[in-house]
N, C-alpha and C. Protein backbone atom coordinates (compact mmCIF):
# COMPACT_ATOMS: atom_id res chain seq x y z
N MET A 1 0.62 -1.22 0.11
CA MET A 1 0.24 -0.27 0.07
C MET A 1 1.32 1.16 -0.13
N PRO A 2 0.68 2.48 -0.94
CA PRO A 2 1.59 3.22 -0.83
C PRO A 2 1.37 3.90 0.27
N PRO A 3 2.42 4.81 0.72
CA PRO A 3 2.40 5.66 2.17
C PRO A 3 1.23 6.94 2.47
N GLN A 4 1.29 7.15 1.53
CA GLN A 4 -0.18 8.16 1.60
C GLN A 4 -1.61 7.75 2.19
N GLU A 5 -1.63 6.33 1.05
CA GLU A 5 -3.07 5.86 1.33
C GLU A 5 -2.63 4.84 3.10
N LYS A 6 -1.53 4.56 3.38
CA LYS A 6 -1.33 4.05 4.66
C LYS A 6 -1.56 4.92 5.55
N LYS A 7 -1.13 6.21 5.65
CA LYS A 7 -0.84 7.27 6.18
C LYS A 7 -2.73 7.53 6.82
N TRP A 8 -3.51 7.74 5.89
CA TRP A 8 -4.96 7.78 6.21
C TRP A 8 -5.69 6.70 6.87
N VAL A 9 -5.55 5.71 6.40
CA VAL A 9 -5.81 4.62 6.68
C VAL A 9 -5.34 4.37 8.27
N GLY A 10 -4.28 4.38 8.65
CA GLY A 10 -3.66 4.29 9.90
C GLY A 10 -4.83 5.34 10.45
N THR A 11 -4.70 6.17 10.14
CA THR A 11 -5.04 7.56 11.07
C THR A 11 -6.61 7.12 11.52
N ILE A 12 -7.31 6.56 9.98
CA ILE A 12 -8.71 6.60 10.84
C ILE A 12 -8.61 5.04 12.05
N GLU A 13 -8.27 3.99 11.42
CA GLU A 13 -8.21 2.73 12.39
C GLU A 13 -7.25 3.30 13.73
N SER A 14 -6.33 4.03 13.99
CA SER A 14 -6.11 4.06 15.11
C SER A 14 -7.10 5.08 16.01
N THR A 15 -7.71 5.76 15.34
CA THR A 15 -8.63 6.96 15.91
C THR A 15 -9.74 6.45 16.44
N ILE A 16 -10.34 5.21 15.76
CA ILE A 16 -11.90 4.13 16.18
C ILE A 16 -10.99 3.38 17.60
N MET A 17 -9.90 2.49 16.84
CA MET A 17 -8.84 1.93 18.14
C MET A 17 -8.92 2.77 19.95
N ARG A 18 -8.85 3.98 19.18
CA ARG A 18 -8.64 5.01 20.69
C ARG A 18 -9.74 5.29 21.54
N ILE A 19 -10.48 5.33 20.65
CA ILE A 19 -12.42 5.68 20.82
C ILE A 19 -12.71 4.65 21.60
N GLY A 20 -12.25 2.90 21.36
CA GLY A 20 -12.82 2.23 21.75
C GLY A 20 -12.29 1.58 23.17
N GLU A 21 -10.97 1.83 23.26
CA GLU A 21 -10.13 1.77 24.38
C GLU A 21 -10.73 2.74 25.39
N TYR A 22 -10.80 4.14 25.28
CA TYR A 22 -11.44 5.07 26.39
C TYR A 22 -13.02 4.56 26.32
N SER A 23 -13.43 3.94 25.62
CA SER A 23 -14.81 3.49 25.94
C SER A 23 -14.62 2.59 26.69
N SER A 24 -13.84 1.66 26.49
CA SER A 24 -13.96 0.87 27.58
C SER A 24 -13.29 1.26 29.11
N TRP A 25 -12.96 2.15 29.27
CA TRP A 25 -12.88 2.21 30.49
C TRP A 25 -14.01 3.06 31.37
N ILE A 26 -15.19 3.08 30.16
CA ILE A 26 -16.48 3.71 31.30
C ILE A 26 -17.25 1.84 31.97
N TYR A 27 -16.53 0.74 31.22
CA TYR A 27 -16.69 -0.35 32.09
C TYR A 27 -15.98 -0.07 33.34
N LEU A 28 -15.08 0.14 33.72
CA LEU A 28 -14.41 0.37 35.17
C LEU A 28 -15.25 1.16 36.22
N PHE A 29 -15.37 2.28 35.28
CA PHE A 29 -16.62 3.82 36.27
C PHE A 29 -17.80 2.94 36.70
N ILE A 30 -18.43 2.15 36.05
CA ILE A 30 -19.32 1.26 36.30
C ILE A 30 -19.26 0.48 37.51
N GLY A 31 -18.30 -0.43 37.52
CA GLY A 31 -17.99 -1.02 38.49
C GLY A 31 -17.77 -0.46 39.59
N ILE A 32 -17.29 0.70 39.51
CA ILE A 32 -16.98 1.41 40.97
C ILE A 32 -18.61 1.91 41.55
N ILE A 33 -19.17 2.65 40.19
CA ILE A 33 -20.45 3.43 40.86
C ILE A 33 -20.97 2.31 41.82
N VAL A 34 -21.22 0.84 40.85
CA VAL A 34 -22.27 -0.09 41.51
C VAL A 34 -21.62 -0.54 42.63
N ALA A 35 -20.17 -0.68 42.58
CA ALA A 35 -19.49 -0.74 44.32
C ALA A 35 -20.29 -0.08 45.28
N TYR A 36 -19.88 1.33 45.12
CA TYR A 36 -21.02 1.79 45.84
C TYR A 36 -21.61 2.49 46.04
N GLU A 37 -22.35 2.10 45.03
CA GLU A 37 -24.00 1.15 46.01
C GLU A 37 -24.25 0.34 46.46
N VAL A 38 -23.57 -0.79 46.20
CA VAL A 38 -23.84 -2.16 47.34
C VAL A 38 -23.15 -1.49 48.26
N ALA A 39 -22.12 -0.73 48.89
CA ALA A 39 -21.67 0.05 49.66
C ALA A 39 -23.01 0.56 50.58
N SER A 40 -23.17 1.71 49.73
CA SER A 40 -24.36 2.62 50.07
C SER A 40 -25.64 1.68 50.84
N ARG A 41 -25.92 0.76 50.21
CA ARG A 41 -27.15 0.56 50.26
C ARG A 41 -27.39 -0.65 51.29
N TYR A 42 -26.48 -1.48 51.32
CA TYR A 42 -26.10 -2.37 52.56
C TYR A 42 -25.23 -2.33 53.78
N PHE A 43 -24.30 -1.64 53.35
CA PHE A 43 -23.70 -0.88 54.99
C PHE A 43 -24.31 0.13 55.53
N PHE A 44 -24.80 0.94 54.81
CA PHE A 44 -25.41 2.19 55.24
C PHE A 44 -27.10 2.85 55.20
N ASN A 45 -27.11 1.00 54.78
CA ASN A 45 -28.94 1.88 54.67
C ASN A 45 -29.30 2.93 53.84
N SER A 46 -28.66 3.56 53.01
CA SER A 46 -28.74 4.74 52.32
C SER A 46 -28.54 4.31 50.72
N PRO A 47 -29.64 3.75 50.09
CA PRO A 47 -29.28 3.89 48.65
C PRO A 47 -29.49 4.92 47.62
N THR A 48 -28.58 5.02 46.68
CA THR A 48 -28.70 5.84 45.65
C THR A 48 -29.76 5.97 44.92
N ASP A 49 -30.08 7.27 44.08
CA ASP A 49 -31.16 7.54 42.93
C ASP A 49 -30.65 7.15 41.47
N TRP A 50 -29.11 7.41 41.68
CA TRP A 50 -28.64 7.93 40.17
C TRP A 50 -27.60 6.71 39.54
N VAL A 51 -27.48 5.67 40.39
CA VAL A 51 -26.56 4.74 40.06
C VAL A 51 -27.33 3.59 38.86
N GLU A 52 -28.02 3.10 38.78
CA GLU A 52 -28.67 2.30 38.07
C GLU A 52 -28.74 2.79 36.66
N GLU A 53 -29.53 4.08 36.74
CA GLU A 53 -29.40 4.71 35.45
C GLU A 53 -28.15 5.39 34.62
N THR A 54 -27.39 5.96 35.89
CA THR A 54 -25.82 6.05 35.09
C THR A 54 -25.54 5.27 34.73
N SER A 55 -25.24 4.17 35.50
CA SER A 55 -24.73 2.67 34.62
C SER A 55 -25.49 1.99 33.75
N ARG A 56 -26.73 2.39 33.38
CA ARG A 56 -27.22 2.32 31.59
C ARG A 56 -26.88 2.63 30.82
N LEU A 57 -26.82 4.06 31.12
CA LEU A 57 -25.95 5.01 30.26
C LEU A 57 -24.74 4.49 29.89
N GLY A 58 -24.26 4.28 30.39
CA GLY A 58 -22.78 4.01 30.50
C GLY A 58 -22.65 2.85 29.88
N MET A 59 -22.90 2.08 30.10
CA MET A 59 -23.10 0.46 29.28
C MET A 59 -23.45 0.58 28.17
N VAL A 60 -24.55 1.14 27.82
CA VAL A 60 -24.90 1.62 26.16
C VAL A 60 -24.24 2.43 25.13
N TRP A 61 -22.97 3.48 26.56
CA TRP A 61 -22.16 4.80 25.11
C TRP A 61 -21.12 3.40 25.31
N ALA A 62 -20.68 2.54 26.29
CA ALA A 62 -19.31 1.82 25.94
C ALA A 62 -19.57 1.21 24.97
N THR A 63 -20.63 -0.05 24.61
CA THR A 63 -20.90 -1.00 24.33
C THR A 63 -20.76 -0.58 22.77
N PHE A 64 -21.77 0.58 22.45
CA PHE A 64 -21.85 0.89 20.93
C PHE A 64 -20.09 1.29 20.25
N LEU A 65 -19.36 1.98 21.27
CA LEU A 65 -17.86 2.62 20.96
C LEU A 65 -17.25 1.52 20.70
N LEU A 66 -17.18 0.75 21.08
CA LEU A 66 -16.30 -0.80 21.34
C LEU A 66 -16.50 -1.18 19.94
N PHE A 67 -18.01 -1.69 19.50
CA PHE A 67 -18.04 -2.45 18.51
C PHE A 67 -16.82 -2.36 17.13
N PRO A 68 -17.08 -0.95 16.71
CA PRO A 68 -15.55 -0.66 15.51
C PRO A 68 -14.75 -1.03 15.96
N ALA A 69 -13.98 -0.97 16.83
CA ALA A 69 -12.68 -1.60 17.91
C ALA A 69 -12.56 -2.81 17.51
N CYS A 70 -13.71 -3.57 17.74
CA CYS A 70 -13.60 -5.06 17.70
C CYS A 70 -13.34 -5.51 16.38
N MET A 71 -14.32 -4.79 15.60
CA MET A 71 -14.23 -5.31 13.80
C MET A 71 -12.55 -5.32 13.52
N GLY A 72 -12.18 -4.12 13.94
CA GLY A 72 -10.78 -3.73 13.37
C GLY A 72 -9.75 -5.11 13.83
N ARG A 73 -10.21 -5.29 14.90
CA ARG A 73 -9.27 -6.67 15.87
C ARG A 73 -9.36 -7.60 15.40
N ARG A 74 -10.57 -7.87 14.57
CA ARG A 74 -11.75 -9.36 14.24
C ARG A 74 -11.77 -9.95 15.57
N GLN A 75 -12.56 -9.31 16.56
CA GLN A 75 -13.12 -9.46 17.49
C GLN A 75 -14.57 -10.24 17.66
N LEU A 76 -15.23 -9.55 16.50
CA LEU A 76 -16.47 -10.24 16.81
C LEU A 76 -16.69 -11.60 16.24
N ILE A 77 -17.84 -12.20 16.96
CA ILE A 77 -18.19 -13.43 16.55
C ILE A 77 -18.34 -13.31 15.01
N SER A 78 -17.82 -14.71 14.43
CA SER A 78 -17.97 -15.01 13.38
C SER A 78 -18.11 -16.81 12.94
N ILE A 79 -18.95 -16.70 11.74
CA ILE A 79 -19.42 -17.95 11.62
C ILE A 79 -18.26 -18.42 10.44
N THR A 80 -17.71 -19.23 10.61
CA THR A 80 -17.24 -20.05 9.46
C THR A 80 -17.01 -21.15 8.69
N LEU A 81 -18.75 -21.62 8.91
CA LEU A 81 -19.01 -23.16 8.57
C LEU A 81 -18.52 -22.94 6.46
N PHE A 82 -19.15 -21.84 6.47
CA PHE A 82 -18.53 -21.73 4.86
C PHE A 82 -17.16 -21.42 4.47
N SER A 83 -16.83 -20.73 4.81
CA SER A 83 -15.93 -20.17 4.71
C SER A 83 -14.97 -21.16 4.80
N ASP A 84 -14.63 -22.02 5.51
CA ASP A 84 -13.88 -23.81 6.03
C ASP A 84 -14.00 -24.19 5.18
N ALA A 85 -14.90 -24.11 4.21
CA ALA A 85 -15.20 -25.43 3.13
C ALA A 85 -14.74 -24.73 2.07
N VAL A 86 -13.89 -23.37 1.73
CA VAL A 86 -14.05 -22.95 0.35
C VAL A 86 -12.29 -22.59 0.20
N GLY A 87 -12.02 -22.36 -0.65
CA GLY A 87 -10.17 -22.27 -0.88
C GLY A 87 -9.93 -20.85 -0.40
N GLU A 88 -8.97 -20.31 -0.95
CA GLU A 88 -8.60 -18.86 0.19
C GLU A 88 -9.07 -17.63 -1.32
N ARG A 89 -9.12 -17.95 -2.63
CA ARG A 89 -10.04 -16.81 -3.46
C ARG A 89 -11.65 -16.53 -2.74
N ALA A 90 -12.47 -18.11 -2.44
CA ALA A 90 -13.70 -17.50 -2.38
C ALA A 90 -13.74 -17.25 -0.78
N LYS A 91 -12.84 -17.66 -0.22
CA LYS A 91 -12.84 -16.66 1.33
C LYS A 91 -12.76 -14.71 1.48
N VAL A 92 -11.92 -14.65 0.12
CA VAL A 92 -12.15 -13.32 -0.21
C VAL A 92 -13.22 -12.80 -0.47
N VAL A 93 -14.02 -13.49 -1.25
CA VAL A 93 -15.13 -13.07 -1.91
C VAL A 93 -15.93 -12.94 -0.33
N LEU A 94 -15.98 -14.13 0.34
CA LEU A 94 -17.33 -14.24 1.02
C LEU A 94 -16.38 -12.83 1.97
N GLU A 95 -15.71 -12.62 2.32
CA GLU A 95 -15.48 -12.02 3.47
C GLU A 95 -15.75 -9.99 3.12
N GLY A 96 -15.22 -10.05 1.57
CA GLY A 96 -15.83 -8.80 0.73
C GLY A 96 -17.82 -8.69 1.16
N ILE A 97 -18.13 -9.81 0.60
CA ILE A 97 -19.75 -9.33 0.96
C ILE A 97 -20.10 -9.67 2.19
N SER A 98 -19.57 -10.21 3.27
CA SER A 98 -19.77 -9.80 4.71
C SER A 98 -19.66 -8.25 4.87
N PHE A 99 -18.38 -7.83 4.52
CA PHE A 99 -18.00 -6.48 4.86
C PHE A 99 -19.40 -5.35 4.18
N ALA A 100 -19.25 -6.07 2.64
CA ALA A 100 -20.64 -5.02 2.44
C ALA A 100 -21.41 -5.16 3.13
N ILE A 101 -22.32 -6.09 3.44
CA ILE A 101 -23.63 -5.74 3.88
C ILE A 101 -23.65 -5.25 5.50
N ILE A 102 -22.62 -5.98 6.25
CA ILE A 102 -22.73 -5.40 7.37
C ILE A 102 -21.98 -3.36 7.32
N ALA A 103 -21.83 -2.83 5.88
CA ALA A 103 -21.30 -1.44 5.97
C ALA A 103 -22.67 -0.77 5.87
N LEU A 104 -23.31 -1.96 4.84
CA LEU A 104 -25.00 -1.06 4.48
C LEU A 104 -25.44 -1.31 6.09
N ALA A 105 -25.72 -2.16 6.60
CA ALA A 105 -26.73 -2.40 7.86
C ALA A 105 -26.41 -1.73 8.44
N CYS A 106 -25.08 -0.83 8.78
CA CYS A 106 -24.53 -0.10 9.87
C CYS A 106 -24.88 1.22 8.98
N ALA A 107 -24.68 1.83 8.23
CA ALA A 107 -25.59 2.83 7.73
C ALA A 107 -26.72 3.00 7.82
N VAL A 108 -27.34 1.91 7.45
CA VAL A 108 -29.20 2.17 8.15
C VAL A 108 -29.66 2.67 9.49
N VAL A 109 -28.80 1.37 10.31
CA VAL A 109 -28.76 1.81 11.50
C VAL A 109 -28.20 2.98 12.21
N SER A 110 -27.42 3.41 12.04
CA SER A 110 -26.96 4.50 11.87
C SER A 110 -27.93 5.79 11.44
N PHE A 111 -28.04 5.81 11.02
CA PHE A 111 -28.94 6.69 10.37
C PHE A 111 -30.68 6.64 11.22
N GLU A 112 -30.81 5.85 11.65
CA GLU A 112 -32.13 5.44 12.20
C GLU A 112 -32.40 5.60 13.84
N ALA A 113 -30.70 5.56 13.91
CA ALA A 113 -30.77 6.19 15.43
C ALA A 113 -30.20 7.60 15.42
N LEU A 114 -30.00 8.34 14.89
CA LEU A 114 -29.52 9.27 14.79
C LEU A 114 -31.27 10.30 14.38
N VAL A 115 -32.09 9.71 13.81
CA VAL A 115 -33.12 10.20 13.28
C VAL A 115 -34.10 9.73 14.82
N ALA A 116 -33.92 9.12 15.69
CA ALA A 116 -34.48 8.92 16.65
C ALA A 116 -34.19 9.84 17.69
N ALA A 117 -32.75 10.14 17.52
CA ALA A 117 -32.16 11.20 18.96
C ALA A 117 -32.38 12.84 18.82
N ILE A 118 -32.89 12.78 17.17
CA ILE A 118 -32.98 13.99 17.08
C ILE A 118 -34.72 14.37 17.55
N ASP A 119 -35.38 13.41 17.01
CA ASP A 119 -37.32 12.83 17.69
C ASP A 119 -36.62 13.24 19.10
N ALA A 120 -36.49 12.27 19.79
CA ALA A 120 -36.15 12.59 21.08
C ALA A 120 -35.81 13.48 21.76
N ALA A 121 -34.82 14.24 21.03
CA ALA A 121 -34.31 15.67 21.98
C ALA A 121 -35.52 17.01 21.04
N THR A 122 -36.20 16.41 20.22
CA THR A 122 -37.45 17.59 19.56
C THR A 122 -38.20 17.78 20.60
N VAL A 123 -38.55 16.45 20.66
CA VAL A 123 -39.76 16.36 21.84
C VAL A 123 -39.62 16.17 23.17
N GLY A 124 -38.78 16.24 23.54
CA GLY A 124 -37.79 16.47 24.90
C GLY A 124 -37.99 15.18 25.69
N ARG A 125 -38.06 13.72 25.13
CA ARG A 125 -38.44 12.67 25.79
C ARG A 125 -37.65 12.51 26.82
N ALA A 126 -37.84 11.87 28.05
CA ALA A 126 -36.71 11.99 28.87
C ALA A 126 -37.31 10.44 29.96
N THR A 127 -36.33 9.81 30.52
CA THR A 127 -36.46 8.74 31.43
C THR A 127 -37.81 9.10 32.25
N ALA A 128 -38.05 8.26 33.07
CA ALA A 128 -39.08 8.32 34.30
C ALA A 128 -38.49 8.27 35.39
N SER A 129 -37.68 9.03 35.75
CA SER A 129 -36.87 8.30 37.21
C SER A 129 -36.49 10.15 37.52
N VAL A 130 -35.66 9.83 38.31
CA VAL A 130 -35.87 11.50 39.25
C VAL A 130 -34.42 11.96 38.33
N LEU A 131 -33.61 11.22 37.80
CA LEU A 131 -32.74 12.28 36.56
C LEU A 131 -33.18 12.71 35.67
N ARG A 132 -34.40 12.30 35.11
CA ARG A 132 -34.40 12.29 33.91
C ARG A 132 -33.81 12.47 32.79
N ILE A 133 -33.13 11.50 32.93
CA ILE A 133 -32.15 12.00 31.62
C ILE A 133 -32.70 11.58 29.99
N PRO A 134 -32.57 12.44 29.43
CA PRO A 134 -33.11 13.06 28.14
C PRO A 134 -32.66 11.50 26.86
N TYR A 135 -33.73 10.41 26.42
CA TYR A 135 -33.60 9.80 25.38
C TYR A 135 -32.38 9.73 24.60
N TRP A 136 -32.20 11.16 24.00
CA TRP A 136 -31.18 11.29 23.08
C TRP A 136 -30.05 10.49 23.31
N LEU A 137 -29.61 10.99 24.67
CA LEU A 137 -28.39 10.38 25.06
C LEU A 137 -28.09 9.11 25.05
N PHE A 138 -29.38 8.13 24.69
CA PHE A 138 -29.08 7.02 25.03
C PHE A 138 -29.25 6.56 22.81
N TYR A 139 -29.93 7.17 22.19
CA TYR A 139 -29.34 6.70 21.51
C TYR A 139 -28.57 7.51 20.36
N LEU A 140 -27.52 8.51 20.59
CA LEU A 140 -26.59 9.17 20.30
C LEU A 140 -25.49 8.07 19.96
N PRO A 141 -25.19 7.56 21.64
CA PRO A 141 -24.11 6.16 20.95
C PRO A 141 -24.68 5.03 20.01
N VAL A 142 -25.65 5.24 19.72
CA VAL A 142 -25.95 3.95 19.05
C VAL A 142 -26.10 4.42 17.34
N ALA A 143 -26.09 5.55 17.36
CA ALA A 143 -26.06 6.59 15.91
C ALA A 143 -24.43 6.60 15.90
N ILE A 144 -23.75 7.34 16.84
CA ILE A 144 -22.26 7.64 16.37
C ILE A 144 -21.67 6.00 16.43
N GLY A 145 -21.85 5.04 17.47
CA GLY A 145 -21.30 3.81 17.39
C GLY A 145 -21.21 2.67 15.73
N PHE A 146 -22.48 3.21 15.66
CA PHE A 146 -22.71 2.41 14.28
C PHE A 146 -22.05 3.22 13.05
N PHE A 147 -22.38 4.68 13.16
CA PHE A 147 -21.40 5.21 12.15
C PHE A 147 -20.05 4.57 11.95
N LEU A 148 -19.15 4.69 13.12
CA LEU A 148 -18.18 4.75 12.95
C LEU A 148 -18.01 2.77 12.69
N PHE A 149 -19.05 1.84 13.13
CA PHE A 149 -18.62 0.64 12.56
C PHE A 149 -18.94 0.96 11.01
N PHE A 150 -19.51 1.40 10.35
CA PHE A 150 -19.58 1.44 9.02
C PHE A 150 -18.53 1.93 8.28
N VAL A 151 -17.91 3.09 9.41
CA VAL A 151 -16.46 2.98 8.76
C VAL A 151 -15.56 1.95 8.31
N GLN A 152 -15.47 1.68 9.99
CA GLN A 152 -14.31 0.04 10.10
C GLN A 152 -14.81 -0.82 8.42
N ALA A 153 -15.95 -1.16 8.65
CA ALA A 153 -16.42 -2.23 7.73
C ALA A 153 -15.99 -1.55 5.90
N ALA A 154 -16.69 -0.41 5.89
CA ALA A 154 -15.94 0.11 4.31
C ALA A 154 -14.59 0.76 4.55
N LEU A 155 -13.79 0.63 5.03
CA LEU A 155 -12.56 0.51 5.16
C LEU A 155 -11.85 -0.73 4.69
N GLU A 156 -12.22 -1.59 5.75
CA GLU A 156 -12.02 -3.16 5.44
C GLU A 156 -12.11 -3.57 4.18
N LEU A 157 -13.52 -3.39 3.54
CA LEU A 157 -13.90 -3.61 1.92
C LEU A 157 -13.14 -2.97 1.14
N ILE A 158 -12.51 -1.90 1.41
CA ILE A 158 -11.64 -1.33 0.31
C ILE A 158 -10.00 -2.05 0.78
N LEU A 159 -9.49 -2.07 1.72
CA LEU A 159 -8.59 -2.82 1.76
C LEU A 159 -8.47 -4.07 1.05
N LEU A 160 -10.12 -4.95 1.19
CA LEU A 160 -9.88 -6.42 0.66
C LEU A 160 -9.83 -5.98 -0.99
N VAL A 161 -10.35 -5.08 -1.67
CA VAL A 161 -10.78 -4.81 -3.32
C VAL A 161 -9.60 -4.12 -3.32
N ALA A 162 -8.94 -3.49 -2.64
CA ALA A 162 -7.50 -2.74 -2.93
C ALA A 162 -6.09 -4.16 -3.12
N THR A 163 -6.45 -4.66 -2.49
CA THR A 163 -5.26 -5.53 -2.04
C THR A 163 -5.96 -7.19 -2.98
N GLY A 164 -6.61 -7.34 -2.57
CA GLY A 164 -7.06 -8.57 -2.83
C GLY A 164 -6.54 -9.72 -2.00
N GLN A 165 -6.17 -9.15 -0.61
CA GLN A 165 -6.02 -10.44 0.23
C GLN A 165 -6.62 -9.74 1.35
N ARG A 166 -6.88 -11.03 2.19
CA ARG A 166 -7.66 -10.60 3.55
C ARG A 166 -6.51 -10.63 4.29
N ARG A 167 -6.85 -9.70 5.31
CA ARG A 167 -5.68 -9.41 6.52
C ARG A 167 -5.93 -10.21 7.67
N LYS A 168 -4.85 -10.90 7.82
CA LYS A 168 -4.65 -11.01 8.84
C LYS A 168 -5.32 -11.10 10.22
N LEU A 169 -6.09 -12.08 10.75
CA LEU A 169 -7.18 -11.88 11.93
C LEU A 169 -6.36 -11.51 13.14
N GLU A 170 -5.64 -11.65 13.61
CA GLU A 170 -4.87 -11.99 14.71
C GLU A 170 -4.37 -10.33 15.13
N LEU A 171 -3.61 -9.87 13.66
CA LEU A 171 -3.36 -8.98 13.51
C LEU A 171 -4.06 -7.67 13.03
N ALA A 172 -4.79 -7.59 12.77
CA ALA A 172 -5.64 -6.68 11.53
C ALA A 172 -5.03 -5.34 12.16
N HIS A 173 -5.11 -5.27 13.49
CA HIS A 173 -4.93 -3.14 13.32
C HIS A 173 -3.56 -3.28 13.31
N GLU A 174 -2.42 -3.79 13.03
CA GLU A 174 -1.18 -3.36 13.30
C GLU A 174 -0.32 -3.34 11.79
N GLU A 175 -1.37 -4.14 10.73
CA GLU A 175 -0.59 -3.93 9.90
C GLU A 175 -0.56 -2.62 8.90
N ILE A 176 -1.44 -1.82 9.50
CA ILE A 176 -1.47 -0.48 8.26
C ILE A 176 -0.35 0.15 8.39
């Protein structure tokens, strides 16, 4: 791959990986606040109003922002029934079809989630709790995560078509 192409591909992938790494820290935060809730509830008989909903919001953000990084590292679940039964050229074709379908599905989900986020913000929809967290905060990570997932799938498809070769599964993020 030419150096100028390698640079932009590396920039996109490193950005997606960095977002995934940062979002994984949200799970640590969730663990800390849930531990706080347990101690507060059972040792001091003083439950909180905010932990359950805050942790749910954190899980939504962390999960959807981790998807693209997992794809880049080939850590998503894959079914190899067909690909194990065919030759290398057919594996390239199957992987290309997979990336095209994933990119299309991600584009649709991202668009619909963005529409839902805008609708929720416009209407002012919020959770029915003390915190009244706006629902657009739950839809936005779906839109962003699936957009990044689309970018990663499209990038994988472009690289597959450009090189005609599959990237190594365990080193996909380091080959760029």
